[in-house]
PDB file of N, CA and C in Angstrom:
ATOM      1  N   MET A   1      43.761 -43.345 -34.013  1.00  0.00           N
ATOM      2  CA  MET A   1      43.222 -42.951 -32.749  1.00  0.00           C
ATOM      3  C   MET A   1      42.645 -41.543 -32.771  1.00  0.00           C
ATOM      4  N   GLU A   2      43.379 -40.725 -33.512  1.00  0.00           N
ATOM      5  CA  GLU A   2      42.955 -39.334 -33.644  1.00  0.00           C
ATOM      6  C   GLU A   2      41.563 -39.288 -34.274  1.00  0.00           C
ATOM      7  N   ALA A   3      41.294 -40.064 -35.292  1.00  0.00           N
ATOM      8  CA  ALA A   3      40.004 -40.084 -35.973  1.00  0.00           C
ATOM      9  C   ALA A   3      38.931 -40.630 -35.041  1.00  0.00           C
ATOM     10  N   ASN A   4      39.336 -41.630 -34.251  1.00  0.00           N
ATOM     11  CA  ASN A   4      38.418 -42.222 -33.293  1.00  0.00           C
ATOM     12  C   ASN A   4      38.013 -41.195 -32.228  1.00  0.00           C
ATOM     13  N   ARG A   5      38.984 -40.448 -31.798  1.00  0.00           N
ATOM     14  CA  ARG A   5      38.744 -39.445 -30.759  1.00  0.00           C
ATOM     15  C   ARG A   5      37.843 -38.329 -31.310  1.00  0.00           C
ATOM     16  N   SER A   6      38.083 -37.884 -32.524  1.00  0.00           N
ATOM     17  CA  SER A   6      37.262 -36.830 -33.102  1.00  0.00           C
ATOM     18  C   SER A   6      35.852 -37.359 -33.383  1.00  0.00           C
ATOM     19  N   GLN A   7      35.767 -38.654 -33.757  1.00  0.00           N
ATOM     20  CA  GLN A   7      34.467 -39.273 -33.980  1.00  0.00           C
ATOM     21  C   GLN A   7      33.689 -39.325 -32.677  1.00  0.00           C
ATOM     22  N   ASN A   8      34.342 -39.664 -31.566  1.00  0.00           N
ATOM     23  CA  ASN A   8      33.709 -39.700 -30.250  1.00  0.00           C
ATOM     24  C   ASN A   8      33.275 -38.297 -29.822  1.00  0.00           C
ATOM     25  N   GLY A   9      34.090 -37.305 -30.136  1.00  0.00           N
ATOM     26  CA  GLY A   9      33.753 -35.917 -29.808  1.00  0.00           C
ATOM     27  C   GLY A   9      32.514 -35.459 -30.556  1.00  0.00           C
ATOM     28  N   ILE A  10      32.471 -35.843 -31.848  1.00  0.00           N
ATOM     29  CA  ILE A  10      31.304 -35.470 -32.652  1.00  0.00           C
ATOM     30  C   ILE A  10      30.054 -36.162 -32.109  1.00  0.00           C
ATOM     31  N   GLN A  11      30.168 -37.428 -31.780  1.00  0.00           N
ATOM     32  CA  GLN A  11      29.038 -38.181 -31.221  1.00  0.00           C
ATOM     33  C   GLN A  11      28.587 -37.539 -29.907  1.00  0.00           C
ATOM     34  N   LEU A  12      29.563 -37.142 -29.088  1.00  0.00           N
ATOM     35  CA  LEU A  12      29.269 -36.507 -27.807  1.00  0.00           C
ATOM     36  C   LEU A  12      28.529 -35.183 -28.023  1.00  0.00           C
ATOM     37  N   LEU A  13      28.990 -34.410 -28.997  1.00  0.00           N
ATOM     38  CA  LEU A  13      28.334 -33.137 -29.310  1.00  0.00           C
ATOM     39  C   LEU A  13      26.916 -33.357 -29.830  1.00  0.00           C
ATOM     40  N   LEU A  14      26.749 -34.365 -30.687  1.00  0.00           N
ATOM     41  CA  LEU A  14      25.410 -34.658 -31.201  1.00  0.00           C
ATOM     42  C   LEU A  14      24.461 -35.092 -30.079  1.00  0.00           C
ATOM     43  N   ALA A  15      24.977 -35.911 -29.174  1.00  0.00           N
ATOM     44  CA  ALA A  15      24.166 -36.366 -28.040  1.00  0.00           C
ATOM     45  C   ALA A  15      23.800 -35.180 -27.150  1.00  0.00           C
ATOM     46  N   ALA A  16      24.771 -34.273 -26.905  1.00  0.00           N
ATOM     47  CA  ALA A  16      24.508 -33.094 -26.078  1.00  0.00           C
ATOM     48  C   ALA A  16      23.478 -32.189 -26.753  1.00  0.00           C
ATOM     49  N   GLU A  17      23.596 -32.061 -28.093  1.00  0.00           N
ATOM     50  CA  GLU A  17      22.652 -31.228 -28.831  1.00  0.00           C
ATOM     51  C   GLU A  17      21.250 -31.814 -28.757  1.00  0.00           C
ATOM     52  N   GLN A  18      21.127 -33.145 -28.881  1.00  0.00           N
ATOM     53  CA  GLN A  18      19.816 -33.789 -28.784  1.00  0.00           C
ATOM     54  C   GLN A  18      19.231 -33.629 -27.376  1.00  0.00           C
ATOM     55  N   GLU A  19      20.076 -33.767 -26.372  1.00  0.00           N
ATOM     56  CA  GLU A  19      19.620 -33.600 -24.990  1.00  0.00           C
ATOM     57  C   GLU A  19      19.154 -32.156 -24.763  1.00  0.00           C
ATOM     58  N   ALA A  20      19.906 -31.188 -25.295  1.00  0.00           N
ATOM     59  CA  ALA A  20      19.524 -29.788 -25.168  1.00  0.00           C
ATOM     60  C   ALA A  20      18.190 -29.537 -25.875  1.00  0.00           C
ATOM     61  N   GLN A  21      18.014 -30.172 -27.037  1.00  0.00           N
ATOM     62  CA  GLN A  21      16.767 -30.020 -27.783  1.00  0.00           C
ATOM     63  C   GLN A  21      15.589 -30.585 -26.988  1.00  0.00           C
ATOM     64  N   HIS A  22      15.796 -31.727 -26.318  1.00  0.00           N
ATOM     65  CA  HIS A  22      14.756 -32.316 -25.478  1.00  0.00           C
ATOM     66  C   HIS A  22      14.417 -31.384 -24.308  1.00  0.00           C
ATOM     67  N   ILE A  23      15.433 -30.797 -23.711  1.00  0.00           N
ATOM     68  CA  ILE A  23      15.215 -29.877 -22.584  1.00  0.00           C
ATOM     69  C   ILE A  23      14.429 -28.657 -23.055  1.00  0.00           C
ATOM     70  N   VAL A  24      14.814 -28.110 -24.230  1.00  0.00           N
ATOM     71  CA  VAL A  24      14.106 -26.941 -24.773  1.00  0.00           C
ATOM     72  C   VAL A  24      12.661 -27.300 -25.087  1.00  0.00           C
ATOM     73  N   ASN A  25      12.444 -28.461 -25.709  1.00  0.00           N
ATOM     74  CA  ASN A  25      11.072 -28.895 -26.015  1.00  0.00           C
ATOM     75  C   ASN A  25      10.247 -29.090 -24.752  1.00  0.00           C
ATOM     76  N   ALA A  26      10.851 -29.687 -23.727  1.00  0.00           N
ATOM     77  CA  ALA A  26      10.142 -29.886 -22.458  1.00  0.00           C
ATOM     78  C   ALA A  26       9.790 -28.534 -21.839  1.00  0.00           C
ATOM     79  N   ALA A  27      10.717 -27.568 -21.917  1.00  0.00           N
ATOM     80  CA  ALA A  27      10.444 -26.232 -21.380  1.00  0.00           C
ATOM     81  C   ALA A  27       9.318 -25.547 -22.148  1.00  0.00           C
ATOM     82  N   LYS A  28       9.334 -25.674 -23.483  1.00  0.00           N
ATOM     83  CA  LYS A  28       8.271 -25.087 -24.297  1.00  0.00           C
ATOM     84  C   LYS A  28       6.914 -25.704 -23.953  1.00  0.00           C
ATOM     85  N   ASN A  29       6.906 -27.039 -23.813  1.00  0.00           N
ATOM     86  CA  ASN A  29       5.652 -27.726 -23.469  1.00  0.00           C
ATOM     87  C   ASN A  29       5.154 -27.293 -22.095  1.00  0.00           C
ATOM     88  N   ALA A  30       6.084 -27.169 -21.145  1.00  0.00           N
ATOM     89  CA  ALA A  30       5.701 -26.729 -19.800  1.00  0.00           C
ATOM     90  C   ALA A  30       5.168 -25.304 -19.841  1.00  0.00           C
ATOM     91  N   LYS A  31       5.812 -24.457 -20.650  1.00  0.00           N
ATOM     92  CA  LYS A  31       5.368 -23.067 -20.782  1.00  0.00           C
ATOM     93  C   LYS A  31       3.968 -23.017 -21.390  1.00  0.00           C
ATOM     94  N   MET A  32       3.726 -23.771 -22.430  1.00  0.00           N
ATOM     95  CA  MET A  32       2.413 -23.795 -23.071  1.00  0.00           C
ATOM     96  C   MET A  32       1.340 -24.311 -22.113  1.00  0.00           C
ATOM     97  N   ALA A  33       1.690 -25.359 -21.347  1.00  0.00           N
ATOM     98  CA  ALA A  33       0.740 -25.897 -20.376  1.00  0.00           C
ATOM     99  C   ALA A  33       0.414 -24.852 -19.315  1.00  0.00           C
ATOM    100  N   ARG A  34       1.419 -24.133 -18.856  1.00  0.00           N
ATOM    101  CA  ARG A  34       1.210 -23.095 -17.840  1.00  0.00           C
ATOM    102  C   ARG A  34       0.374 -21.939 -18.415  1.00  0.00           C
ATOM    103  N   LEU A  35       0.614 -21.583 -19.665  1.00  0.00           N
ATOM    104  CA  LEU A  35      -0.181 -20.520 -20.292  1.00  0.00           C
ATOM    105  C   LEU A  35      -1.652 -20.937 -20.417  1.00  0.00           C
ATOM    106  N   ARG A  36      -1.882 -22.196 -20.815  1.00  0.00           N
ATOM    107  CA  ARG A  36      -3.260 -22.692 -20.901  1.00  0.00           C
ATOM    108  C   ARG A  36      -3.916 -22.661 -19.520  1.00  0.00           C
ATOM    109  N   GLN A  37      -3.167 -23.097 -18.515  1.00  0.00           N
ATOM    110  CA  GLN A  37      -3.693 -23.111 -17.147  1.00  0.00           C
ATOM    111  C   GLN A  37      -4.005 -21.679 -16.693  1.00  0.00           C
ATOM    112  N   ALA A  38      -3.092 -20.741 -16.966  1.00  0.00           N
ATOM    113  CA  ALA A  38      -3.310 -19.347 -16.574  1.00  0.00           C
ATOM    114  C   ALA A  38      -4.534 -18.771 -17.290  1.00  0.00           C
ATOM    115  N   LYS A  39      -4.704 -19.121 -18.579  1.00  0.00           N
ATOM    116  CA  LYS A  39      -5.857 -18.645 -19.334  1.00  0.00           C
ATOM    117  C   LYS A  39      -7.153 -19.185 -18.736  1.00  0.00           C
ATOM    118  N   GLU A  40      -7.171 -20.456 -18.390  1.00  0.00           N
ATOM    119  CA  GLU A  40      -8.365 -21.058 -17.788  1.00  0.00           C
ATOM    120  C   GLU A  40      -8.681 -20.412 -16.446  1.00  0.00           C
ATOM    121  N   GLU A  41      -7.632 -20.179 -15.642  1.00  0.00           N
ATOM    122  CA  GLU A  41      -7.845 -19.522 -14.349  1.00  0.00           C
ATOM    123  C   GLU A  41      -8.400 -18.110 -14.542  1.00  0.00           C
ATOM    124  N   ALA A  42      -7.842 -17.385 -15.514  1.00  0.00           N
ATOM    125  CA  ALA A  42      -8.318 -16.022 -15.787  1.00  0.00           C
ATOM    126  C   ALA A  42      -9.767 -16.036 -16.241  1.00  0.00           C
ATOM    127  N   GLU A  43     -10.126 -16.993 -17.099  1.00  0.00           N
ATOM    128  CA  GLU A  43     -11.509 -17.088 -17.568  1.00  0.00           C
ATOM    129  C   GLU A  43     -12.464 -17.402 -16.416  1.00  0.00           C
ATOM    130  N   ARG A  44     -12.034 -18.279 -15.496  1.00  0.00           N
ATOM    131  CA  ARG A  44     -12.860 -18.583 -14.325  1.00  0.00           C
ATOM    132  C   ARG A  44     -13.028 -17.339 -13.458  1.00  0.00           C
ATOM    133  N   GLU A  45     -11.935 -16.606 -13.234  1.00  0.00           N
ATOM    134  CA  GLU A  45     -12.007 -15.396 -12.420  1.00  0.00           C
ATOM    135  C   GLU A  45     -12.909 -14.356 -13.081  1.00  0.00           C
ATOM    136  N   ILE A  46     -12.810 -14.232 -14.393  1.00  0.00           N
ATOM    137  CA  ILE A  46     -13.660 -13.285 -15.113  1.00  0.00           C
ATOM    138  C   ILE A  46     -15.126 -13.692 -14.981  1.00  0.00           C
ATOM    139  N   ALA A  47     -15.403 -14.977 -15.140  1.00  0.00           N
ATOM    140  CA  ALA A  47     -16.784 -15.456 -15.018  1.00  0.00           C
ATOM    141  C   ALA A  47     -17.313 -15.210 -13.603  1.00  0.00           C
ATOM    142  N   ASP A  48     -16.489 -15.481 -12.583  1.00  0.00           N
ATOM    143  CA  ASP A  48     -16.903 -15.235 -11.199  1.00  0.00           C
ATOM    144  C   ASP A  48     -17.156 -13.746 -10.970  1.00  0.00           C
ATOM    145  N   PHE A  49     -16.240 -12.915 -11.467  1.00  0.00           N
ATOM    146  CA  PHE A  49     -16.381 -11.467 -11.304  1.00  0.00           C
ATOM    147  C   PHE A  49     -17.627 -10.964 -12.010  1.00  0.00           C
ATOM    148  N   ARG A  50     -17.846 -11.455 -13.227  1.00  0.00           N
ATOM    149  CA  ARG A  50     -19.033 -11.043 -13.991  1.00  0.00           C
ATOM    150  C   ARG A  50     -20.306 -11.450 -13.252  1.00  0.00           C
ATOM    151  N   ALA A  51     -20.328 -12.665 -12.711  1.00  0.00           N
ATOM    152  CA  ALA A  51     -21.507 -13.129 -11.979  1.00  0.00           C
ATOM    153  C   ALA A  51     -21.726 -12.271 -10.730  1.00  0.00           C
ATOM    154  N   GLN A  52     -20.645 -11.942 -10.049  1.00  0.00           N
ATOM    155  CA  GLN A  52     -20.743 -11.103  -8.849  1.00  0.00           C
ATOM    156  C   GLN A  52     -21.271  -9.705  -9.211  1.00  0.00           C
ATOM    157  N   MET A  53     -20.742  -9.117 -10.277  1.00  0.00           N
ATOM    158  CA  MET A  53     -21.184  -7.787 -10.696  1.00  0.00           C
ATOM    159  C   MET A  53     -22.640  -7.814 -11.150  1.00  0.00           C
ATOM    160  N   GLU A  54     -23.030  -8.870 -11.841  1.00  0.00           N
ATOM    161  CA  GLU A  54     -24.417  -8.995 -12.291  1.00  0.00           C
ATOM    162  C   GLU A  54     -25.356  -9.111 -11.092  1.00  0.00           C
ATOM    163  N   ALA A  55     -24.960  -9.920 -10.105  1.00  0.00           N
ATOM    164  CA  ALA A  55     -25.784 -10.066  -8.899  1.00  0.00           C
ATOM    165  C   ALA A  55     -25.889  -8.734  -8.163  1.00  0.00           C
ATOM    166  N   ASP A  56     -24.785  -8.018  -8.071  1.00  0.00           N
ATOM    167  CA  ASP A  56     -24.779  -6.713  -7.415  1.00  0.00           C
ATOM    168  C   ASP A  56     -25.675  -5.739  -8.176  1.00  0.00           C
ATOM    169  N   PHE A  57     -25.590  -5.759  -9.499  1.00  0.00           N
ATOM    170  CA  PHE A  57     -26.431  -4.891 -10.321  1.00  0.00           C
ATOM    171  C   PHE A  57     -27.905  -5.216 -10.117  1.00  0.00           C
ATOM    172  N   GLN A  58     -28.236  -6.499 -10.131  1.00  0.00           N
ATOM    173  CA  GLN A  58     -29.635  -6.895  -9.945  1.00  0.00           C
ATOM    174  C   GLN A  58     -30.141  -6.488  -8.566  1.00  0.00           C
ATOM    175  N   ARG A  59     -29.272  -6.620  -7.548  1.00  0.00           N
ATOM    176  CA  ARG A  59     -29.650  -6.232  -6.185  1.00  0.00           C
ATOM    177  C   ARG A  59     -29.916  -4.731  -6.131  1.00  0.00           C
ATOM    178  N   ARG A  60     -29.010  -3.950  -6.715  1.00  0.00           N
ATOM    179  CA  ARG A  60     -29.189  -2.491  -6.712  1.00  0.00           C
ATOM    180  C   ARG A  60     -30.419  -2.086  -7.518  1.00  0.00           C
ATOM    181  N   LEU A  61     -30.648  -2.772  -8.612  1.00  0.00           N
ATOM    182  CA  LEU A  61     -31.822  -2.483  -9.424  1.00  0.00           C
ATOM    183  C   LEU A  61     -33.092  -2.758  -8.630  1.00  0.00           C
ATOM    184  N   ALA A  62     -33.114  -3.875  -7.910  1.00  0.00           N
ATOM    185  CA  ALA A  62     -34.280  -4.208  -7.091  1.00  0.00           C
ATOM    186  C   ALA A  62     -34.464  -3.179  -5.986  1.00  0.00           C
ATOM    187  N   GLU A  63     -33.360  -2.753  -5.366  1.00  0.00           N
ATOM    188  CA  GLU A  63     -33.447  -1.755  -4.305  1.00  0.00           C
ATOM    189  C   GLU A  63     -33.956  -0.428  -4.846  1.00  0.00           C
ATOM    190  N   SER A  64     -33.434  -0.019  -5.981  1.00  0.00           N
ATOM    191  CA  SER A  64     -33.857   1.274  -6.532  1.00  0.00           C
ATOM    192  C   SER A  64     -35.296   1.210  -7.019  1.00  0.00           C
ATOM    193  N   SER A  65     -35.720   0.061  -7.522  1.00  0.00           N
ATOM    194  CA  SER A  65     -37.108  -0.084  -7.935  1.00  0.00           C
ATOM    195  C   SER A  65     -38.022   0.004  -6.719  1.00  0.00           C
ATOM    196  N   GLY A  66     -37.598  -0.607  -5.633  1.00  0.00           N
ATOM    197  CA  GLY A  66     -38.367  -0.528  -4.394  1.00  0.00           C
ATOM    198  C   GLY A  66     -38.432   0.900  -3.902  1.00  0.00           C
ATOM    199  N   ASP A  67     -37.325   1.625  -3.998  1.00  0.00           N
ATOM    200  CA  ASP A  67     -37.305   3.018  -3.593  1.00  0.00           C
ATOM    201  C   ASP A  67     -38.210   3.844  -4.490  1.00  0.00           C
ATOM    202  N   SER A  68     -38.226   3.509  -5.748  1.00  0.00           N
ATOM    203  CA  SER A  68     -39.068   4.240  -6.684  1.00  0.00           C
ATOM    204  C   SER A  68     -40.532   4.077  -6.299  1.00  0.00           C
ATOM    205  N   GLY A  69     -40.923   2.878  -5.954  1.00  0.00           N
ATOM    206  CA  GLY A  69     -42.297   2.633  -5.518  1.00  0.00           C
ATOM    207  C   GLY A  69     -42.612   3.410  -4.252  1.00  0.00           C
ATOM    208  N   ALA A  70     -41.661   3.453  -3.328  1.00  0.00           N
ATOM    209  CA  ALA A  70     -41.852   4.201  -2.089  1.00  0.00           C
ATOM    210  C   ALA A  70     -41.947   5.691  -2.393  1.00  0.00           C
ATOM    211  N   ASN A  71     -41.123   6.155  -3.329  1.00  0.00           N
ATOM    212  CA  ASN A  71     -41.168   7.573  -3.700  1.00  0.00           C
ATOM    213  C   ASN A  71     -42.505   7.929  -4.337  1.00  0.00           C
ATOM    214  N   VAL A  72     -43.004   7.069  -5.194  1.00  0.00           N
ATOM    215  CA  VAL A  72     -44.293   7.318  -5.830  1.00  0.00           C
ATOM    216  C   VAL A  72     -45.389   7.378  -4.779  1.00  0.00           C
ATOM    217  N   LYS A  73     -45.376   6.465  -3.848  1.00  0.00           N
ATOM    218  CA  LYS A  73     -46.389   6.443  -2.801  1.00  0.00           C
ATOM    219  C   LYS A  73     -46.306   7.702  -1.937  1.00  0.00           C
ATOM    220  N   ARG A  74     -45.071   8.097  -1.597  1.00  0.00           N
ATOM    221  CA  ARG A  74     -44.879   9.298  -0.788  1.00  0.00           C
ATOM    222  C   ARG A  74     -45.383  10.530  -1.547  1.00  0.00           C
ATOM    223  N   LEU A  75     -45.068  10.612  -2.844  1.00  0.00           N
ATOM    224  CA  LEU A  75     -45.530  11.744  -3.639  1.00  0.00           C
ATOM    225  C   LEU A  75     -47.051  11.775  -3.750  1.00  0.00           C
ATOM    226  N   GLU A  76     -47.665  10.625  -3.890  1.00  0.00           N
ATOM    227  CA  GLU A  76     -49.125  10.562  -3.948  1.00  0.00           C
ATOM    228  C   GLU A  76     -49.737  11.062  -2.650  1.00  0.00           C
ATOM    229  N   GLN A  77     -49.156  10.664  -1.525  1.00  0.00           N
ATOM    230  CA  GLN A  77     -49.662  11.115  -0.232  1.00  0.00           C
ATOM    231  C   GLN A  77     -49.508  12.621  -0.078  1.00  0.00           C
ATOM    232  N   GLU A  78     -48.336  13.136  -0.488  1.00  0.00           N
ATOM    233  CA  GLU A  78     -48.112  14.575  -0.403  1.00  0.00           C
ATOM    234  C   GLU A  78     -49.087  15.332  -1.308  1.00  0.00           C
ATOM    235  N   THR A  79     -49.324  14.802  -2.500  1.00  0.00           N
ATOM    236  CA  THR A  79     -50.259  15.441  -3.438  1.00  0.00           C
ATOM    237  C   THR A  79     -51.667  15.440  -2.870  1.00  0.00           C
ATOM    238  N   ASP A  80     -52.108  14.320  -2.333  1.00  0.00           N
ATOM    239  CA  ASP A  80     -53.440  14.245  -1.734  1.00  0.00           C
ATOM    240  C   ASP A  80     -53.578  15.227  -0.580  1.00  0.00           C
ATOM    241  N   ALA A  81     -52.536  15.332   0.240  1.00  0.00           N
ATOM    242  CA  ALA A  81     -52.573  16.274   1.359  1.00  0.00           C
ATOM    243  C   ALA A  81     -52.665  17.708   0.854  1.00  0.00           C
ATOM    244  N   LYS A  82     -51.909  18.028  -0.183  1.00  0.00           N
ATOM    245  CA  LYS A  82     -51.933  19.380  -0.748  1.00  0.00           C
ATOM    246  C   LYS A  82     -53.309  19.680  -1.346  1.00  0.00           C
ATOM    247  N   ILE A  83     -53.922  18.703  -2.030  1.00  0.00           N
ATOM    248  CA  ILE A  83     -55.258  18.888  -2.610  1.00  0.00           C
ATOM    249  C   ILE A  83     -56.270  19.159  -1.506  1.00  0.00           C
ATOM    250  N   GLU A  84     -56.211  18.412  -0.435  1.00  0.00           N
ATOM    251  CA  GLU A  84     -57.134  18.610   0.683  1.00  0.00           C
ATOM    252  C   GLU A  84     -56.934  19.993   1.311  1.00  0.00           C
ATOM    253  N   GLN A  85     -55.685  20.394   1.408  1.00  0.00           N
ATOM    254  CA  GLN A  85     -55.384  21.717   1.969  1.00  0.00           C
ATOM    255  C   GLN A  85     -55.980  22.811   1.077  1.00  0.00           C
ATOM    256  N   LEU A  86     -55.823  22.688  -0.233  1.00  0.00           N
ATOM    257  CA  LEU A  86     -56.374  23.677  -1.156  1.00  0.00           C
ATOM    258  C   LEU A  86     -57.901  23.693  -1.121  1.00  0.00           C
ATOM    259  N   LYS A  87     -58.521  22.524  -1.028  1.00  0.00           N
ATOM    260  CA  LYS A  87     -59.978  22.458  -0.931  1.00  0.00           C
ATOM    261  C   LYS A  87     -60.460  23.156   0.333  1.00  0.00           C
ATOM    262  N   SER A  88     -59.752  22.923   1.413  1.00  0.00           N
ATOM    263  CA  SER A  88     -60.113  23.546   2.688  1.00  0.00           C
ATOM    264  C   SER A  88     -60.004  25.062   2.589  1.00  0.00           C
ATOM    265  N   GLN A  89     -58.922  25.550   2.011  1.00  0.00           N
ATOM    266  CA  GLN A  89     -58.740  26.993   1.861  1.00  0.00           C
ATOM    267  C   GLN A  89     -59.816  27.581   0.948  1.00  0.00           C
ATOM    268  N   ALA A  90     -60.131  26.852  -0.123  1.00  0.00           N
ATOM    269  CA  ALA A  90     -61.154  27.335  -1.054  1.00  0.00           C
ATOM    270  C   ALA A  90     -62.518  27.409  -0.371  1.00  0.00           C
ATOM    271  N   SER A  91     -62.854  26.420   0.417  1.00  0.00           N
ATOM    272  CA  SER A  91     -64.156  26.431   1.099  1.00  0.00           C
ATOM    273  C   SER A  91     -64.212  27.533   2.153  1.00  0.00           C
ATOM    274  N   ASN A  92     -63.061  27.881   2.737  1.00  0.00           N
ATOM    275  CA  ASN A  92     -63.032  28.950   3.736  1.00  0.00           C
ATOM    276  C   ASN A  92     -63.262  30.321   3.104  1.00  0.00           C
ATOM    277  N   ILE A  93     -62.718  30.567   1.925  1.00  0.00           N
ATOM    278  CA  ILE A  93     -62.854  31.888   1.322  1.00  0.00           C
ATOM    279  C   ILE A  93     -63.968  31.956   0.288  1.00  0.00           C
ATOM    280  N   SER A  94     -64.632  30.854   0.039  1.00  0.00           N
ATOM    281  CA  SER A  94     -65.702  30.818  -0.957  1.00  0.00           C
ATOM    282  C   SER A  94     -66.817  31.827  -0.663  1.00  0.00           C
ATOM    283  N   PRO A  95     -67.314  31.911   0.568  1.00  0.00           N
ATOM    284  CA  PRO A  95     -68.382  32.903   0.821  1.00  0.00           C
ATOM    285  C   PRO A  95     -67.926  34.338   0.551  1.00  0.00           C
ATOM    286  N   GLU A  96     -66.703  34.652   0.894  1.00  0.00           N
ATOM    287  CA  GLU A  96     -66.194  35.998   0.657  1.00  0.00           C
ATOM    288  C   GLU A  96     -66.122  36.288  -0.848  1.00  0.00           C
ATOM    289  N   VAL A  97     -65.685  35.325  -1.624  1.00  0.00           N
ATOM    290  CA  VAL A  97     -65.570  35.501  -3.074  1.00  0.00           C
ATOM    291  C   VAL A  97     -66.951  35.681  -3.688  1.00  0.00           C
ATOM    292  N   VAL A  98     -67.918  34.895  -3.230  1.00  0.00           N
ATOM    293  CA  VAL A  98     -69.286  35.005  -3.743  1.00  0.00           C
ATOM    294  C   VAL A  98     -69.845  36.398  -3.436  1.00  0.00           C
ATOM    295  N   GLN A  99     -69.649  36.884  -2.205  1.00  0.00           N
ATOM    296  CA  GLN A  99     -70.130  38.213  -1.827  1.00  0.00           C
ATOM    297  C   GLN A  99     -69.470  39.295  -2.672  1.00  0.00           C
ATOM    298  N   MET A 100     -68.188  39.175  -2.903  1.00  0.00           N
ATOM    299  CA  MET A 100     -67.466  40.163  -3.691  1.00  0.00           C
ATOM    300  C   MET A 100     -67.983  40.170  -5.132  1.00  0.00           C
ATOM    301  N   LEU A 101     -68.183  38.994  -5.708  1.00  0.00           N
ATOM    302  CA  LEU A 101     -68.710  38.918  -7.076  1.00  0.00           C
ATOM    303  C   LEU A 101     -70.120  39.506  -7.168  1.00  0.00           C
ATOM    304  N   LEU A 102     -70.968  39.184  -6.198  1.00  0.00           N
ATOM    305  CA  LEU A 102     -72.328  39.729  -6.191  1.00  0.00           C
ATOM    306  C   LEU A 102     -72.310  41.250  -6.092  1.00  0.00           C
ATOM    307  N   LYS A 103     -71.401  41.758  -5.282  1.00  0.00           N
ATOM    308  CA  LYS A 103     -71.299  43.197  -5.106  1.00  0.00           C
ATOM    309  C   LYS A 103     -70.934  43.871  -6.424  1.00  0.00           C
ATOM    310  N   TYR A 104     -69.953  43.294  -7.139  1.00  0.00           N
ATOM    311  CA  TYR A 104     -69.538  43.902  -8.411  1.00  0.00           C
ATOM    312  C   TYR A 104     -70.591  43.735  -9.500  1.00  0.00           C
ATOM    313  N   VAL A 105     -71.324  42.632  -9.479  1.00  0.00           N
ATOM    314  CA  VAL A 105     -72.328  42.396 -10.509  1.00  0.00           C
ATOM    315  C   VAL A 105     -73.555  43.285 -10.272  1.00  0.00           C
ATOM    316  N   THR A 106     -73.902  43.471  -9.042  1.00  0.00           N
ATOM    317  CA  THR A 106     -75.124  44.230  -8.754  1.00  0.00           C
ATOM    318  C   THR A 106     -74.897  45.735  -8.660  1.00  0.00           C
ATOM    319  N   THR A 107     -73.693  46.167  -8.577  1.00  0.00           N
ATOM    320  CA  THR A 107     -73.394  47.595  -8.510  1.00  0.00           C
ATOM    321  C   THR A 107     -73.371  48.166  -9.927  1.00  0.00           C
ATOM    322  N   VAL A 108     -74.145  49.238 -10.114  1.00  0.00           N
ATOM    323  CA  VAL A 108     -74.230  49.870 -11.420  1.00  0.00           C
ATOM    324  C   VAL A 108     -73.428  51.155 -11.357  1.00  0.00           C
ATOM    325  N   LYS A 109     -72.569  51.332 -12.335  1.00  0.00           N
ATOM    326  CA  LYS A 109     -71.791  52.550 -12.403  1.00  0.00           C
ATOM    327  C   LYS A 109     -72.277  53.365 -13.574  1.00  0.00           C
ATOM    328  N   ASN A 110     -72.352  54.673 -13.381  1.00  0.00           N
ATOM    329  CA  ASN A 110     -72.786  55.562 -14.437  1.00  0.00           C
ATOM    330  C   ASN A 110     -71.632  56.137 -15.159  1.00  0.00           C
TER     331      ASN A 110
END
C-alpha cells in the first residue's frame, strides 16, 4: 500500500507539474500576443502622428510660401514708391544743379 500511495503521489505531482507547465505556456502565449498587439497599436499611432505632422508641415509650408509671395509684392510696391519719390526729388532739384554746374564751368579763376 505504501508503494501504491507513493506511486499515486508521484503521479499527482507529475500531473500538477504538467498543468503548471500548460498554465505557464498559456501565459507566455498571451503575453506574446499582447506584445504583438501593443506593437501594432504603437505602429498605427506612429503612422497617424507622422501623417498629422506631415500635413501640419505642408500646411505651414503653404502658408509661409503664400506669405513670402505677399512679402515680395509688398517689397516691390515699396521699392516702386521709393523710386518714384527719388525721381520726383531729382526733377525738383535738377534745374538748381544745372545752374550750379554752369556757374562753376563758366567761371574762370586766375
